Amino acid sequence: MPDLPSGVPESESIEKKEIIQENWKLCTSCGEKITKEEWKTSVDGAYLHNFINPLGIEFRILTFSQAIGITWQKDSYLEHTWFPGFAWRVGSCSACGSHLGWNFESVSGSSSFLGLVLGRITS
């Protein structure tokens, strides 16, 4: 086994290797595991979407089919939705509380996807 950098516990080094090998996307604020590259899902023919909310704040989001490590707000809203026919809920990192994106669920409840903010998860 190669020598580890001074001061880095072996268990920490092994965990970092597993994160890289498993293609985990992490919360940029705290490093919590959030989603995986292979969980990306195309919505309206794209993985990357650009939107501006009613306050004029621009968001670039990547769409995923699933994630872990996110706490979802209880209430969902149709008002100002970026995807017609889909209600949205805010999602925050379960570990540090940073806003990571939104869960979009169809009004019929038959489908859903996640929109995670580019730059708030590692790429």
N, C-alpha and C. Protein backbone atom coordinates (compact mmCIF):
# COMPACT_ATOMS: atom_id res chain seq x y z
N MET A 1 0.85 -1.17 0.00
CA MET A 1 0.00 0.00 0.00
C MET A 1 0.90 1.24 0.00
N PRO A 2 0.59 2.27 -0.84
CA PRO A 2 1.42 3.46 -0.90
C PRO A 2 1.32 4.24 0.41
N ASP A 3 2.39 5.01 0.67
CA ASP A 3 2.39 5.86 1.87
C ASP A 3 1.32 6.93 1.75
N LEU A 4 0.67 7.21 2.87
CA LEU A 4 -0.35 8.25 2.92
C LEU A 4 0.30 9.58 3.25
N PRO A 5 -0.28 10.70 2.79
CA PRO A 5 0.24 11.99 3.18
C PRO A 5 0.25 12.11 4.70
N SER A 6 1.23 12.82 5.21
CA SER A 6 1.36 13.00 6.65
C SER A 6 0.09 13.57 7.26
N GLY A 7 -0.38 12.95 8.33
CA GLY A 7 -1.56 13.46 9.04
C GLY A 7 -2.89 12.98 8.50
N VAL A 8 -2.93 12.22 7.40
CA VAL A 8 -4.19 11.74 6.84
C VAL A 8 -4.43 10.31 7.33
N PRO A 9 -5.49 10.11 8.12
CA PRO A 9 -5.78 8.76 8.59
C PRO A 9 -6.08 7.83 7.41
N GLU A 10 -5.65 6.57 7.52
CA GLU A 10 -5.86 5.61 6.43
C GLU A 10 -7.34 5.47 6.08
N SER A 11 -8.22 5.47 7.09
CA SER A 11 -9.66 5.31 6.83
C SER A 11 -10.21 6.46 6.00
N GLU A 12 -9.70 7.67 6.22
CA GLU A 12 -10.15 8.84 5.44
C GLU A 12 -9.71 8.71 3.99
N SER A 13 -8.48 8.25 3.77
CA SER A 13 -7.97 8.06 2.42
C SER A 13 -8.78 7.00 1.67
N ILE A 14 -9.12 5.91 2.35
CA ILE A 14 -9.91 4.84 1.73
C ILE A 14 -11.29 5.36 1.36
N GLU A 15 -11.91 6.14 2.25
CA GLU A 15 -13.24 6.68 1.97
C GLU A 15 -13.20 7.61 0.75
N LYS A 16 -12.18 8.44 0.62
CA LYS A 16 -12.06 9.33 -0.53
C LYS A 16 -11.93 8.54 -1.83
N LYS A 17 -11.16 7.45 -1.79
CA LYS A 17 -11.02 6.60 -2.98
C LYS A 17 -12.36 5.99 -3.37
N GLU A 18 -13.13 5.53 -2.37
CA GLU A 18 -14.44 4.94 -2.65
C GLU A 18 -15.38 5.98 -3.26
N ILE A 19 -15.34 7.20 -2.76
CA ILE A 19 -16.19 8.28 -3.29
C ILE A 19 -15.87 8.52 -4.75
N ILE A 20 -14.59 8.58 -5.08
CA ILE A 20 -14.17 8.81 -6.47
C ILE A 20 -14.56 7.63 -7.35
N GLN A 21 -14.29 6.41 -6.90
CA GLN A 21 -14.59 5.22 -7.70
C GLN A 21 -16.08 5.04 -7.94
N GLU A 22 -16.90 5.44 -6.98
CA GLU A 22 -18.35 5.27 -7.10
C GLU A 22 -19.04 6.48 -7.73
N ASN A 23 -18.25 7.45 -8.20
CA ASN A 23 -18.78 8.65 -8.88
C ASN A 23 -19.76 9.46 -8.05
N TRP A 24 -19.51 9.58 -6.76
CA TRP A 24 -20.40 10.37 -5.91
C TRP A 24 -20.25 11.85 -6.19
N LYS A 25 -21.38 12.55 -6.20
CA LYS A 25 -21.43 14.01 -6.21
C LYS A 25 -21.68 14.42 -4.76
N LEU A 26 -20.90 15.35 -4.26
CA LEU A 26 -20.94 15.72 -2.85
C LEU A 26 -21.46 17.14 -2.66
N CYS A 27 -21.99 17.43 -1.49
CA CYS A 27 -22.35 18.79 -1.12
C CYS A 27 -21.05 19.59 -1.07
N THR A 28 -20.99 20.72 -1.78
CA THR A 28 -19.75 21.50 -1.79
C THR A 28 -19.50 22.21 -0.46
N SER A 29 -20.52 22.35 0.36
CA SER A 29 -20.34 23.01 1.66
C SER A 29 -19.73 22.10 2.71
N CYS A 30 -20.12 20.81 2.71
CA CYS A 30 -19.68 19.94 3.80
C CYS A 30 -19.12 18.58 3.36
N GLY A 31 -19.29 18.20 2.10
CA GLY A 31 -18.76 16.92 1.62
C GLY A 31 -19.68 15.73 1.78
N GLU A 32 -20.92 15.95 2.20
CA GLU A 32 -21.90 14.86 2.33
C GLU A 32 -22.19 14.24 0.96
N LYS A 33 -22.34 12.91 0.90
CA LYS A 33 -22.72 12.23 -0.34
C LYS A 33 -24.14 12.63 -0.70
N ILE A 34 -24.35 13.03 -1.97
CA ILE A 34 -25.67 13.50 -2.41
C ILE A 34 -26.24 12.64 -3.54
N THR A 35 -25.53 12.51 -4.63
CA THR A 35 -26.04 11.75 -5.78
C THR A 35 -24.87 11.19 -6.56
N LYS A 36 -25.18 10.45 -7.62
CA LYS A 36 -24.14 9.86 -8.47
C LYS A 36 -24.34 10.29 -9.91
N GLU A 37 -23.25 10.32 -10.64
CA GLU A 37 -23.27 10.68 -12.06
C GLU A 37 -24.27 9.82 -12.83
N GLU A 38 -24.30 8.51 -12.54
CA GLU A 38 -25.19 7.61 -13.29
C GLU A 38 -26.66 7.82 -12.96
N TRP A 39 -26.97 8.62 -11.96
CA TRP A 39 -28.36 8.92 -11.62
C TRP A 39 -28.88 10.16 -12.36
N LYS A 40 -28.05 10.75 -13.22
CA LYS A 40 -28.53 11.87 -14.04
C LYS A 40 -29.68 11.37 -14.90
N THR A 41 -30.67 12.24 -15.13
CA THR A 41 -31.79 11.88 -15.99
C THR A 41 -32.12 13.06 -16.89
N SER A 42 -32.43 12.76 -18.12
CA SER A 42 -32.78 13.80 -19.08
C SER A 42 -34.22 14.26 -18.86
N VAL A 43 -34.41 15.56 -18.79
CA VAL A 43 -35.74 16.15 -18.66
C VAL A 43 -35.90 17.14 -19.81
N ASP A 44 -36.97 17.00 -20.56
CA ASP A 44 -37.19 17.83 -21.75
C ASP A 44 -35.97 17.80 -22.68
N GLY A 45 -35.33 16.63 -22.76
CA GLY A 45 -34.22 16.43 -23.69
C GLY A 45 -32.87 16.94 -23.22
N ALA A 46 -32.74 17.33 -21.95
CA ALA A 46 -31.47 17.86 -21.46
C ALA A 46 -31.23 17.49 -19.99
N TYR A 47 -29.95 17.50 -19.61
CA TYR A 47 -29.56 17.28 -18.22
C TYR A 47 -29.32 18.61 -17.49
N LEU A 48 -28.95 19.63 -18.25
CA LEU A 48 -28.63 20.94 -17.69
C LEU A 48 -29.69 21.95 -18.12
N HIS A 49 -30.21 22.69 -17.15
CA HIS A 49 -31.27 23.67 -17.41
C HIS A 49 -30.90 24.99 -16.74
N ASN A 50 -31.25 26.10 -17.38
CA ASN A 50 -31.02 27.43 -16.84
C ASN A 50 -32.36 28.11 -16.59
N PHE A 51 -32.52 28.66 -15.39
CA PHE A 51 -33.78 29.31 -15.03
C PHE A 51 -33.50 30.56 -14.20
N ILE A 52 -34.45 31.47 -14.20
CA ILE A 52 -34.41 32.65 -13.34
C ILE A 52 -35.67 32.64 -12.50
N ASN A 53 -35.51 32.74 -11.18
CA ASN A 53 -36.68 32.72 -10.31
C ASN A 53 -37.34 34.10 -10.27
N PRO A 54 -38.51 34.24 -9.64
CA PRO A 54 -39.21 35.53 -9.60
C PRO A 54 -38.42 36.66 -8.95
N LEU A 55 -37.40 36.34 -8.16
CA LEU A 55 -36.56 37.37 -7.54
C LEU A 55 -35.40 37.79 -8.44
N GLY A 56 -35.31 37.17 -9.63
CA GLY A 56 -34.25 37.50 -10.57
C GLY A 56 -32.96 36.73 -10.35
N ILE A 57 -32.99 35.71 -9.51
CA ILE A 57 -31.80 34.90 -9.25
C ILE A 57 -31.72 33.78 -10.29
N GLU A 58 -30.57 33.68 -10.96
CA GLU A 58 -30.39 32.66 -11.98
C GLU A 58 -29.87 31.37 -11.36
N PHE A 59 -30.44 30.25 -11.80
CA PHE A 59 -30.01 28.93 -11.35
C PHE A 59 -29.71 28.07 -12.55
N ARG A 60 -28.59 27.35 -12.49
CA ARG A 60 -28.26 26.31 -13.47
C ARG A 60 -28.40 25.01 -12.71
N ILE A 61 -29.30 24.16 -13.16
CA ILE A 61 -29.55 22.91 -12.45
C ILE A 61 -29.27 21.70 -13.33
N LEU A 62 -28.80 20.64 -12.68
CA LEU A 62 -28.64 19.33 -13.31
C LEU A 62 -29.77 18.46 -12.82
N THR A 63 -30.32 17.62 -13.69
CA THR A 63 -31.46 16.79 -13.30
C THR A 63 -31.02 15.35 -13.02
N PHE A 64 -31.54 14.83 -11.91
CA PHE A 64 -31.21 13.49 -11.43
C PHE A 64 -32.48 12.73 -11.10
N SER A 65 -32.40 11.40 -11.16
CA SER A 65 -33.55 10.56 -10.82
C SER A 65 -33.63 10.29 -9.32
N GLN A 66 -32.49 10.37 -8.63
CA GLN A 66 -32.49 10.08 -7.20
C GLN A 66 -31.30 10.73 -6.51
N ALA A 67 -31.38 10.77 -5.19
CA ALA A 67 -30.30 11.31 -4.36
C ALA A 67 -30.48 10.79 -2.94
N ILE A 68 -29.41 10.89 -2.18
CA ILE A 68 -29.46 10.61 -0.74
C ILE A 68 -28.92 11.86 -0.06
N GLY A 69 -29.02 11.94 1.23
CA GLY A 69 -28.41 13.05 1.93
C GLY A 69 -29.11 14.38 1.73
N ILE A 70 -30.37 14.36 1.31
CA ILE A 70 -31.14 15.59 1.13
C ILE A 70 -32.40 15.50 1.98
N THR A 71 -32.70 16.58 2.68
CA THR A 71 -33.94 16.70 3.43
C THR A 71 -34.88 17.57 2.60
N TRP A 72 -36.07 17.05 2.33
CA TRP A 72 -37.02 17.76 1.48
C TRP A 72 -38.06 18.49 2.32
N GLN A 73 -38.34 19.72 1.94
CA GLN A 73 -39.39 20.50 2.58
C GLN A 73 -40.71 19.75 2.43
N LYS A 74 -41.58 19.83 3.41
CA LYS A 74 -42.85 19.09 3.38
C LYS A 74 -43.78 19.59 2.28
N ASP A 75 -43.97 20.90 2.20
CA ASP A 75 -44.94 21.48 1.26
C ASP A 75 -44.37 21.59 -0.15
N SER A 76 -45.24 21.36 -1.14
CA SER A 76 -44.86 21.54 -2.54
C SER A 76 -45.72 22.64 -3.15
N TYR A 77 -45.21 23.23 -4.25
CA TYR A 77 -45.86 24.39 -4.85
C TYR A 77 -45.90 24.25 -6.37
N LEU A 78 -47.00 24.68 -6.96
CA LEU A 78 -47.11 24.76 -8.42
C LEU A 78 -46.77 26.17 -8.91
N GLU A 79 -46.91 27.14 -8.03
CA GLU A 79 -46.64 28.54 -8.38
C GLU A 79 -45.17 28.69 -8.79
N HIS A 80 -44.94 29.39 -9.89
CA HIS A 80 -43.60 29.68 -10.41
C HIS A 80 -42.80 28.42 -10.76
N THR A 81 -43.47 27.31 -11.07
CA THR A 81 -42.73 26.10 -11.42
C THR A 81 -41.99 26.31 -12.74
N TRP A 82 -40.83 25.72 -12.84
CA TRP A 82 -40.04 25.78 -14.08
C TRP A 82 -40.43 24.67 -15.04
N PHE A 83 -41.15 23.68 -14.54
CA PHE A 83 -41.56 22.55 -15.36
C PHE A 83 -43.08 22.41 -15.27
N PRO A 84 -43.81 22.87 -16.29
CA PRO A 84 -45.28 22.80 -16.26
C PRO A 84 -45.78 21.39 -15.94
N GLY A 85 -46.77 21.34 -15.03
CA GLY A 85 -47.32 20.06 -14.61
C GLY A 85 -46.57 19.41 -13.46
N PHE A 86 -45.52 20.07 -12.97
CA PHE A 86 -44.72 19.55 -11.87
C PHE A 86 -44.69 20.55 -10.72
N ALA A 87 -45.02 20.07 -9.53
CA ALA A 87 -44.91 20.87 -8.31
C ALA A 87 -43.49 20.71 -7.77
N TRP A 88 -43.01 21.71 -7.05
CA TRP A 88 -41.64 21.67 -6.54
C TRP A 88 -41.59 21.80 -5.02
N ARG A 89 -40.54 21.20 -4.45
CA ARG A 89 -40.22 21.32 -3.02
C ARG A 89 -38.73 21.61 -2.90
N VAL A 90 -38.38 22.41 -1.93
CA VAL A 90 -36.98 22.76 -1.70
C VAL A 90 -36.26 21.61 -0.99
N GLY A 91 -35.01 21.38 -1.39
CA GLY A 91 -34.18 20.36 -0.76
C GLY A 91 -32.90 20.95 -0.22
N SER A 92 -32.53 20.52 0.98
CA SER A 92 -31.30 20.99 1.64
C SER A 92 -30.45 19.81 2.06
N CYS A 93 -29.16 20.03 2.15
CA CYS A 93 -28.24 18.99 2.60
C CYS A 93 -28.64 18.55 4.01
N SER A 94 -28.79 17.25 4.20
CA SER A 94 -29.17 16.71 5.51
C SER A 94 -28.11 16.96 6.57
N ALA A 95 -26.86 17.11 6.15
CA ALA A 95 -25.77 17.29 7.11
C ALA A 95 -25.56 18.75 7.52
N CYS A 96 -25.58 19.67 6.55
CA CYS A 96 -25.24 21.06 6.87
C CYS A 96 -26.36 22.06 6.63
N GLY A 97 -27.43 21.64 5.96
CA GLY A 97 -28.57 22.52 5.73
C GLY A 97 -28.46 23.43 4.52
N SER A 98 -27.39 23.33 3.74
CA SER A 98 -27.25 24.17 2.54
C SER A 98 -28.32 23.82 1.51
N HIS A 99 -28.88 24.85 0.88
CA HIS A 99 -29.87 24.62 -0.18
C HIS A 99 -29.16 23.97 -1.36
N LEU A 100 -29.68 22.82 -1.81
CA LEU A 100 -29.07 22.10 -2.93
C LEU A 100 -29.92 22.10 -4.18
N GLY A 101 -31.24 22.26 -4.04
CA GLY A 101 -32.09 22.23 -5.23
C GLY A 101 -33.53 21.93 -4.89
N TRP A 102 -34.20 21.24 -5.85
CA TRP A 102 -35.63 21.02 -5.75
C TRP A 102 -36.00 19.61 -6.20
N ASN A 103 -37.07 19.11 -5.64
CA ASN A 103 -37.71 17.88 -6.09
C ASN A 103 -38.92 18.32 -6.90
N PHE A 104 -39.05 17.84 -8.12
CA PHE A 104 -40.19 18.15 -8.98
C PHE A 104 -41.03 16.89 -9.13
N GLU A 105 -42.30 16.97 -8.72
CA GLU A 105 -43.20 15.82 -8.80
C GLU A 105 -44.39 16.18 -9.67
N SER A 106 -44.73 15.28 -10.60
CA SER A 106 -45.86 15.54 -11.49
C SER A 106 -47.14 15.66 -10.67
N VAL A 107 -48.06 16.47 -11.16
CA VAL A 107 -49.34 16.69 -10.48
C VAL A 107 -50.06 15.36 -10.28
N SER A 108 -49.93 14.46 -11.23
CA SER A 108 -50.58 13.15 -11.13
C SER A 108 -49.86 12.23 -10.14
N GLY A 109 -48.63 12.60 -9.76
CA GLY A 109 -47.85 11.77 -8.85
C GLY A 109 -47.17 10.59 -9.52
N SER A 110 -47.24 10.55 -10.86
CA SER A 110 -46.71 9.40 -11.58
C SER A 110 -45.21 9.48 -11.86
N SER A 111 -44.63 10.66 -11.75
CA SER A 111 -43.19 10.78 -12.01
C SER A 111 -42.60 11.95 -11.21
N SER A 112 -41.30 11.85 -11.01
CA SER A 112 -40.60 12.92 -10.31
C SER A 112 -39.13 12.91 -10.72
N PHE A 113 -38.46 14.01 -10.47
CA PHE A 113 -37.03 14.12 -10.70
C PHE A 113 -36.50 15.23 -9.80
N LEU A 114 -35.19 15.30 -9.71
CA LEU A 114 -34.54 16.30 -8.87
C LEU A 114 -33.79 17.29 -9.74
N GLY A 115 -33.82 18.54 -9.36
CA GLY A 115 -33.02 19.58 -10.00
C GLY A 115 -32.03 20.10 -8.98
N LEU A 116 -30.75 19.75 -9.14
CA LEU A 116 -29.73 20.14 -8.17
C LEU A 116 -28.86 21.25 -8.75
N VAL A 117 -28.60 22.26 -7.94
CA VAL A 117 -27.92 23.47 -8.40
C VAL A 117 -26.45 23.18 -8.71
N LEU A 118 -26.07 23.52 -9.94
CA LEU A 118 -24.69 23.39 -10.37
C LEU A 118 -23.83 24.28 -9.48
N GLY A 119 -22.77 23.74 -8.95
CA GLY A 119 -21.90 24.49 -8.04
C GLY A 119 -22.18 24.21 -6.58
N ARG A 120 -23.34 23.65 -6.28
CA ARG A 120 -23.64 23.29 -4.89
C ARG A 120 -23.40 21.81 -4.63
N ILE A 121 -23.15 21.08 -5.72
CA ILE A 121 -22.67 19.70 -5.62
C ILE A 121 -21.41 19.61 -6.47
N THR A 122 -20.49 18.74 -6.08
CA THR A 122 -19.25 18.60 -6.83
C THR A 122 -19.54 18.03 -8.21
N SER A 123 -18.69 18.41 -9.17
CA SER A 123 -18.90 17.90 -10.53
C SER A 123 -17.89 16.85 -10.88
